[in-house]
Amino acid sequence: MLAAPLARSASLDAQVRDAAGRPLADAVVYAIPGSTHEARPARAPVAVEQIDREFVPYVTVVQVGTTVTFPNRDPILHHVYSFSPAKTIDIPLYTGKSPMEVLFDKPGVVTLGCNIHDWMIGYILVVPTAHFARTDARGVARLRDMPSGAYDVHAWHPQQRAALAPQRVTLDAPSAPSLEFSIDAPPRKPKYKPPLDRMKY
């Protein structure tokens, strides 16, 4: 007896550009199902590292219910915090292994900072779906392994000047439609960091 063929999943590509038409990196594209799908459990714990006195990655996207760690790879101390409504964080001075795992249990934007180094900033977008991706340097996000059906597809960037309306798309495997988004967001500018050998922490 032959086994039944496996259901094929759908895919979605999105191109995100800024207001001048340039590819926009570090944007998040996520898809909310238009009907009830079988809920997927949150993914394995995610790490937001501190490397060369920056949060890496600059933008992280996680599903509601995901835990995040904050390992410090620098030879100096950091104090990670956030006052965001979606999650308050306070991890006092440390280096090396993350002292705790933080559960992100509500959707929303979480802005990260360091109490010692005020140029350090990072973002975690917590979304109520397992279908999401972050754009690469070409402004491209690829969402894979999606059940067929209708979705509202959202795009977000931490520097956006205004929220975008979602786009409705219907996926039917094995098709892989493409969407385009234009986000009015200024280019990210590097901030001054003092030389490491002049820093006490």
C-alpha atoms as a PDB file:
ATOM      1  CA  MET A   1       0.000   0.000   0.000  1.00  0.00           C
ATOM      2  CA  LEU A   2       1.410   3.381  -0.995  1.00  0.00           C
ATOM      3  CA  ALA A   3       1.687   6.124   1.608  1.00  0.00           C
ATOM      4  CA  ALA A   4      -0.336   9.284   1.071  1.00  0.00           C
ATOM      5  CA  PRO A   5       1.772  12.140  -0.331  1.00  0.00           C
ATOM      6  CA  LEU A   6       2.829  14.824   2.111  1.00  0.00           C
ATOM      7  CA  ALA A   7       1.009  18.135   1.906  1.00  0.00           C
ATOM      8  CA  ARG A   8       3.108  20.794   0.207  1.00  0.00           C
ATOM      9  CA  SER A   9       3.665  24.028   2.058  1.00  0.00           C
ATOM     10  CA  ALA A  10       3.497  27.499   0.555  1.00  0.00           C
ATOM     11  CA  SER A  11       6.113  30.244   0.463  1.00  0.00           C
ATOM     12  CA  LEU A  12       6.117  34.022   0.260  1.00  0.00           C
ATOM     13  CA  ASP A  13       8.808  36.500  -0.783  1.00  0.00           C
ATOM     14  CA  ALA A  14       8.677  40.174   0.147  1.00  0.00           C
ATOM     15  CA  GLN A  15      10.784  43.076  -1.121  1.00  0.00           C
ATOM     16  CA  VAL A  16      11.019  46.014   1.282  1.00  0.00           C
ATOM     17  CA  ARG A  17      12.349  49.407   0.202  1.00  0.00           C
ATOM     18  CA  ASP A  18      12.649  52.799   1.844  1.00  0.00           C
ATOM     19  CA  ALA A  19      10.911  55.950   0.629  1.00  0.00           C
ATOM     20  CA  ALA A  20      13.737  56.585  -1.865  1.00  0.00           C
ATOM     21  CA  GLY A  21      13.389  53.103  -3.367  1.00  0.00           C
ATOM     22  CA  ARG A  22      16.536  51.665  -1.760  1.00  0.00           C
ATOM     23  CA  PRO A  23      16.509  48.138  -0.279  1.00  0.00           C
ATOM     24  CA  LEU A  24      15.754  48.293   3.445  1.00  0.00           C
ATOM     25  CA  ALA A  25      17.585  45.878   5.721  1.00  0.00           C
ATOM     26  CA  ASP A  26      16.423  44.921   9.223  1.00  0.00           C
ATOM     27  CA  ALA A  27      12.734  45.205   8.390  1.00  0.00           C
ATOM     28  CA  VAL A  28      10.382  42.490   9.622  1.00  0.00           C
ATOM     29  CA  VAL A  29       7.730  40.857   7.475  1.00  0.00           C
ATOM     30  CA  TYR A  30       5.191  38.657   9.244  1.00  0.00           C
ATOM     31  CA  ALA A  31       1.973  36.952   8.152  1.00  0.00           C
ATOM     32  CA  ILE A  32      -1.178  36.580  10.274  1.00  0.00           C
ATOM     33  CA  PRO A  33      -3.480  33.748   9.101  1.00  0.00           C
ATOM     34  CA  GLY A  34      -6.929  34.887   8.024  1.00  0.00           C
ATOM     35  CA  SER A  35      -8.470  31.739   9.470  1.00  0.00           C
ATOM     36  CA  THR A  36      -7.632  29.437  12.314  1.00  0.00           C
ATOM     37  CA  HIS A  37      -4.614  27.236  11.631  1.00  0.00           C
ATOM     38  CA  GLU A  38      -3.143  24.647  13.911  1.00  0.00           C
ATOM     39  CA  ALA A  39      -1.075  26.634  16.396  1.00  0.00           C
ATOM     40  CA  ARG A  40       2.675  26.075  16.206  1.00  0.00           C
ATOM     41  CA  PRO A  41       4.642  26.099  19.451  1.00  0.00           C
ATOM     42  CA  ALA A  42       7.135  28.893  19.955  1.00  0.00           C
ATOM     43  CA  ARG A  43      10.565  28.197  18.544  1.00  0.00           C
ATOM     44  CA  ALA A  44      13.702  27.296  20.481  1.00  0.00           C
ATOM     45  CA  PRO A  45      15.290  30.016  22.644  1.00  0.00           C
ATOM     46  CA  VAL A  46      16.807  32.915  20.697  1.00  0.00           C
ATOM     47  CA  ALA A  47      20.021  34.773  21.565  1.00  0.00           C
ATOM     48  CA  VAL A  48      20.562  38.522  21.272  1.00  0.00           C
ATOM     49  CA  GLU A  49      24.304  38.908  21.737  1.00  0.00           C
ATOM     50  CA  GLN A  50      26.416  41.869  22.738  1.00  0.00           C
ATOM     51  CA  ILE A  51      29.378  42.065  20.384  1.00  0.00           C
ATOM     52  CA  ASP A  52      31.746  45.031  19.968  1.00  0.00           C
ATOM     53  CA  ARG A  53      29.414  47.042  22.234  1.00  0.00           C
ATOM     54  CA  GLU A  54      26.352  46.535  20.028  1.00  0.00           C
ATOM     55  CA  PHE A  55      23.274  44.351  20.182  1.00  0.00           C
ATOM     56  CA  VAL A  56      23.561  41.647  17.525  1.00  0.00           C
ATOM     57  CA  PRO A  57      21.318  41.322  15.674  1.00  0.00           C
ATOM     58  CA  TYR A  58      20.121  44.917  15.693  1.00  0.00           C
ATOM     59  CA  VAL A  59      16.557  43.688  15.043  1.00  0.00           C
ATOM     60  CA  THR A  60      15.229  40.350  16.273  1.00  0.00           C
ATOM     61  CA  VAL A  61      11.764  38.929  15.631  1.00  0.00           C
ATOM     62  CA  VAL A  62      10.255  36.194  17.798  1.00  0.00           C
ATOM     63  CA  GLN A  63       6.914  34.482  18.208  1.00  0.00           C
ATOM     64  CA  VAL A  64       4.912  35.088  21.393  1.00  0.00           C
ATOM     65  CA  GLY A  65       6.023  32.480  23.934  1.00  0.00           C
ATOM     66  CA  THR A  66       9.704  32.505  22.921  1.00  0.00           C
ATOM     67  CA  THR A  67      12.481  32.887  25.475  1.00  0.00           C
ATOM     68  CA  VAL A  68      15.512  35.055  24.708  1.00  0.00           C
ATOM     69  CA  THR A  69      18.989  35.066  26.222  1.00  0.00           C
ATOM     70  CA  PHE A  70      21.471  37.966  26.176  1.00  0.00           C
ATOM     71  CA  PRO A  71      25.054  36.624  26.198  1.00  0.00           C
ATOM     72  CA  ASN A  72      27.757  39.263  26.536  1.00  0.00           C
ATOM     73  CA  ARG A  73      30.697  38.477  24.232  1.00  0.00           C
ATOM     74  CA  ASP A  74      32.570  41.684  25.120  1.00  0.00           C
ATOM     75  CA  PRO A  75      35.476  41.930  27.593  1.00  0.00           C
ATOM     76  CA  ILE A  76      33.544  44.647  29.453  1.00  0.00           C
ATOM     77  CA  LEU A  77      30.327  44.691  31.484  1.00  0.00           C
ATOM     78  CA  HIS A  78      26.870  45.505  30.131  1.00  0.00           C
ATOM     79  CA  HIS A  79      23.552  46.201  31.875  1.00  0.00           C
ATOM     80  CA  VAL A  80      20.657  45.225  29.599  1.00  0.00           C
ATOM     81  CA  TYR A  81      17.297  46.884  30.176  1.00  0.00           C
ATOM     82  CA  SER A  82      13.973  47.740  28.563  1.00  0.00           C
ATOM     83  CA  PHE A  83      11.006  49.801  29.772  1.00  0.00           C
ATOM     84  CA  SER A  84       8.793  48.727  26.861  1.00  0.00           C
ATOM     85  CA  PRO A  85       5.150  47.859  27.655  1.00  0.00           C
ATOM     86  CA  ALA A  86       5.506  44.520  25.859  1.00  0.00           C
ATOM     87  CA  LYS A  87       8.338  43.454  28.214  1.00  0.00           C
ATOM     88  CA  THR A  88      10.282  45.068  31.035  1.00  0.00           C
ATOM     89  CA  ILE A  89      13.855  43.805  31.333  1.00  0.00           C
ATOM     90  CA  ASP A  90      16.553  44.487  33.907  1.00  0.00           C
ATOM     91  CA  ILE A  91      19.749  42.410  33.796  1.00  0.00           C
ATOM     92  CA  PRO A  92      22.412  44.137  35.967  1.00  0.00           C
ATOM     93  CA  LEU A  93      26.100  44.328  35.089  1.00  0.00           C
ATOM     94  CA  TYR A  94      27.517  41.070  33.776  1.00  0.00           C
ATOM     95  CA  THR A  95      29.742  39.539  31.132  1.00  0.00           C
ATOM     96  CA  GLY A  96      29.790  36.107  29.544  1.00  0.00           C
ATOM     97  CA  LYS A  97      26.781  33.817  29.781  1.00  0.00           C
ATOM     98  CA  SER A  98      23.340  35.411  30.011  1.00  0.00           C
ATOM     99  CA  PRO A  99      22.264  35.419  33.687  1.00  0.00           C
ATOM    100  CA  MET A 100      18.680  34.559  32.718  1.00  0.00           C
ATOM    101  CA  GLU A 101      16.269  33.624  29.972  1.00  0.00           C
ATOM    102  CA  VAL A 102      13.514  36.183  29.366  1.00  0.00           C
ATOM    103  CA  LEU A 103      10.075  34.987  28.266  1.00  0.00           C
ATOM    104  CA  PHE A 104       8.373  37.231  25.701  1.00  0.00           C
ATOM    105  CA  ASP A 105       4.706  36.542  26.365  1.00  0.00           C
ATOM    106  CA  LYS A 106       3.009  39.586  24.798  1.00  0.00           C
ATOM    107  CA  PRO A 107       3.130  40.942  21.240  1.00  0.00           C
ATOM    108  CA  GLY A 108       4.726  44.320  20.628  1.00  0.00           C
ATOM    109  CA  VAL A 109       7.983  46.191  20.172  1.00  0.00           C
ATOM    110  CA  VAL A 110      10.668  45.856  22.835  1.00  0.00           C
ATOM    111  CA  THR A 111      13.454  48.460  22.732  1.00  0.00           C
ATOM    112  CA  LEU A 112      16.732  47.314  24.297  1.00  0.00           C
ATOM    113  CA  GLY A 113      19.370  49.520  25.851  1.00  0.00           C
ATOM    114  CA  CYS A 114      22.469  49.340  28.032  1.00  0.00           C
ATOM    115  CA  ASN A 115      22.538  51.424  31.216  1.00  0.00           C
ATOM    116  CA  ILE A 116      26.296  51.927  30.849  1.00  0.00           C
ATOM    117  CA  HIS A 117      26.718  52.526  27.112  1.00  0.00           C
ATOM    118  CA  ASP A 118      23.975  54.829  25.867  1.00  0.00           C
ATOM    119  CA  TRP A 119      24.730  54.326  22.146  1.00  0.00           C
ATOM    120  CA  MET A 120      23.723  50.662  22.389  1.00  0.00           C
ATOM    121  CA  ILE A 121      20.197  50.065  21.123  1.00  0.00           C
ATOM    122  CA  GLY A 122      18.424  47.051  19.717  1.00  0.00           C
ATOM    123  CA  TYR A 123      14.885  45.928  19.000  1.00  0.00           C
ATOM    124  CA  ILE A 124      12.841  42.786  19.489  1.00  0.00           C
ATOM    125  CA  LEU A 125       9.510  42.546  17.664  1.00  0.00           C
ATOM    126  CA  VAL A 126       7.229  39.970  19.293  1.00  0.00           C
ATOM    127  CA  VAL A 127       4.575  38.698  16.873  1.00  0.00           C
ATOM    128  CA  PRO A 128       1.530  36.410  17.364  1.00  0.00           C
ATOM    129  CA  THR A 129       2.474  34.093  14.503  1.00  0.00           C
ATOM    130  CA  ALA A 130       5.099  31.539  13.520  1.00  0.00           C
ATOM    131  CA  HIS A 131       5.375  33.017  10.008  1.00  0.00           C
ATOM    132  CA  PHE A 132       7.961  35.792   9.887  1.00  0.00           C
ATOM    133  CA  ALA A 133      11.336  36.816   8.475  1.00  0.00           C
ATOM    134  CA  ARG A 134      13.788  39.715   8.647  1.00  0.00           C
ATOM    135  CA  THR A 135      15.007  41.417   5.487  1.00  0.00           C
ATOM    136  CA  ASP A 136      18.599  40.969   4.400  1.00  0.00           C
ATOM    137  CA  ALA A 137      20.903  43.621   2.915  1.00  0.00           C
ATOM    138  CA  ARG A 138      18.907  43.419  -0.337  1.00  0.00           C
ATOM    139  CA  GLY A 139      15.671  44.184   1.495  1.00  0.00           C
ATOM    140  CA  VAL A 140      14.343  40.677   0.869  1.00  0.00           C
ATOM    141  CA  ALA A 141      12.433  38.564   3.383  1.00  0.00           C
ATOM    142  CA  ARG A 142      11.483  34.958   2.662  1.00  0.00           C
ATOM    143  CA  LEU A 143       8.713  33.201   4.572  1.00  0.00           C
ATOM    144  CA  ARG A 144       8.645  29.426   4.197  1.00  0.00           C
ATOM    145  CA  ASP A 145       6.607  26.389   5.275  1.00  0.00           C
ATOM    146  CA  MET A 146       3.253  28.176   5.418  1.00  0.00           C
ATOM    147  CA  PRO A 147      -0.062  26.318   5.184  1.00  0.00           C
ATOM    148  CA  SER A 148      -2.189  27.295   2.196  1.00  0.00           C
ATOM    149  CA  GLY A 149      -4.801  29.955   2.897  1.00  0.00           C
ATOM    150  CA  ALA A 150      -5.342  33.687   3.310  1.00  0.00           C
ATOM    151  CA  TYR A 151      -2.934  35.888   5.274  1.00  0.00           C
ATOM    152  CA  ASP A 152      -2.609  39.510   6.277  1.00  0.00           C
ATOM    153  CA  VAL A 153       1.053  40.332   5.671  1.00  0.00           C
ATOM    154  CA  HIS A 154       2.625  43.113   7.730  1.00  0.00           C
ATOM    155  CA  ALA A 155       5.930  44.965   7.360  1.00  0.00           C
ATOM    156  CA  TRP A 156       7.666  46.853  10.170  1.00  0.00           C
ATOM    157  CA  HIS A 157      10.949  48.674  10.743  1.00  0.00           C
ATOM    158  CA  PRO A 158      12.166  50.287  13.997  1.00  0.00           C
ATOM    159  CA  GLN A 159      12.757  53.672  12.328  1.00  0.00           C
ATOM    160  CA  GLN A 160       9.501  53.821  10.379  1.00  0.00           C
ATOM    161  CA  ARG A 161       7.758  57.183  10.487  1.00  0.00           C
ATOM    162  CA  ALA A 162       4.280  55.694  10.069  1.00  0.00           C
ATOM    163  CA  ALA A 163       2.686  52.273  10.352  1.00  0.00           C
ATOM    164  CA  LEU A 164       1.842  50.414   7.134  1.00  0.00           C
ATOM    165  CA  ALA A 165      -1.473  48.785   6.343  1.00  0.00           C
ATOM    166  CA  PRO A 166      -1.167  45.009   5.868  1.00  0.00           C
ATOM    167  CA  GLN A 167      -1.499  43.374   2.474  1.00  0.00           C
ATOM    168  CA  ARG A 168      -3.899  40.443   2.011  1.00  0.00           C
ATOM    169  CA  VAL A 169      -2.564  37.468   0.077  1.00  0.00           C
ATOM    170  CA  THR A 170      -3.894  33.965  -0.564  1.00  0.00           C
ATOM    171  CA  LEU A 171      -1.284  31.224  -0.711  1.00  0.00           C
ATOM    172  CA  ASP A 172      -1.836  28.019  -2.602  1.00  0.00           C
ATOM    173  CA  ALA A 173       1.097  25.605  -2.618  1.00  0.00           C
ATOM    174  CA  PRO A 174       3.341  25.289  -4.545  1.00  0.00           C
ATOM    175  CA  SER A 175       2.975  28.915  -5.709  1.00  0.00           C
ATOM    176  CA  ALA A 176       5.345  31.518  -4.205  1.00  0.00           C
ATOM    177  CA  PRO A 177       3.908  35.017  -4.686  1.00  0.00           C
ATOM    178  CA  SER A 178       5.951  38.170  -4.126  1.00  0.00           C
ATOM    179  CA  LEU A 179       4.894  41.317  -2.301  1.00  0.00           C
ATOM    180  CA  GLU A 180       6.465  44.765  -2.205  1.00  0.00           C
ATOM    181  CA  PHE A 181       6.465  47.200   0.706  1.00  0.00           C
ATOM    182  CA  SER A 182       7.688  50.788   0.918  1.00  0.00           C
ATOM    183  CA  ILE A 183       8.574  51.987   4.421  1.00  0.00           C
ATOM    184  CA  ASP A 184       9.416  55.611   5.133  1.00  0.00           C
ATOM    185  CA  ALA A 185      12.451  55.047   7.353  1.00  0.00           C
ATOM    186  CA  PRO A 186      15.721  57.016   7.461  1.00  0.00           C
ATOM    187  CA  PRO A 187      19.001  55.126   6.932  1.00  0.00           C
ATOM    188  CA  ARG A 188      20.597  53.788  10.083  1.00  0.00           C
ATOM    189  CA  LYS A 189      23.556  55.925  11.106  1.00  0.00           C
ATOM    190  CA  PRO A 190      26.422  54.516  13.176  1.00  0.00           C
ATOM    191  CA  LYS A 191      26.870  56.132  16.600  1.00  0.00           C
ATOM    192  CA  TYR A 192      30.178  57.168  18.113  1.00  0.00           C
ATOM    193  CA  LYS A 193      31.787  54.600  20.423  1.00  0.00           C
ATOM    194  CA  PRO A 194      34.861  55.563  22.469  1.00  0.00           C
ATOM    195  CA  PRO A 195      37.935  53.359  22.020  1.00  0.00           C
ATOM    196  CA  LEU A 196      37.664  50.185  24.057  1.00  0.00           C
ATOM    197  CA  ASP A 197      40.972  50.792  25.861  1.00  0.00           C
ATOM    198  CA  ARG A 198      39.602  54.064  27.298  1.00  0.00           C
ATOM    199  CA  MET A 199      36.556  52.432  28.872  1.00  0.00           C
ATOM    200  CA  LYS A 200      36.313  51.285  32.499  1.00  0.00           C
ATOM    201  CA  TYR A 201      33.302  49.058  31.853  1.00  0.00           C
END
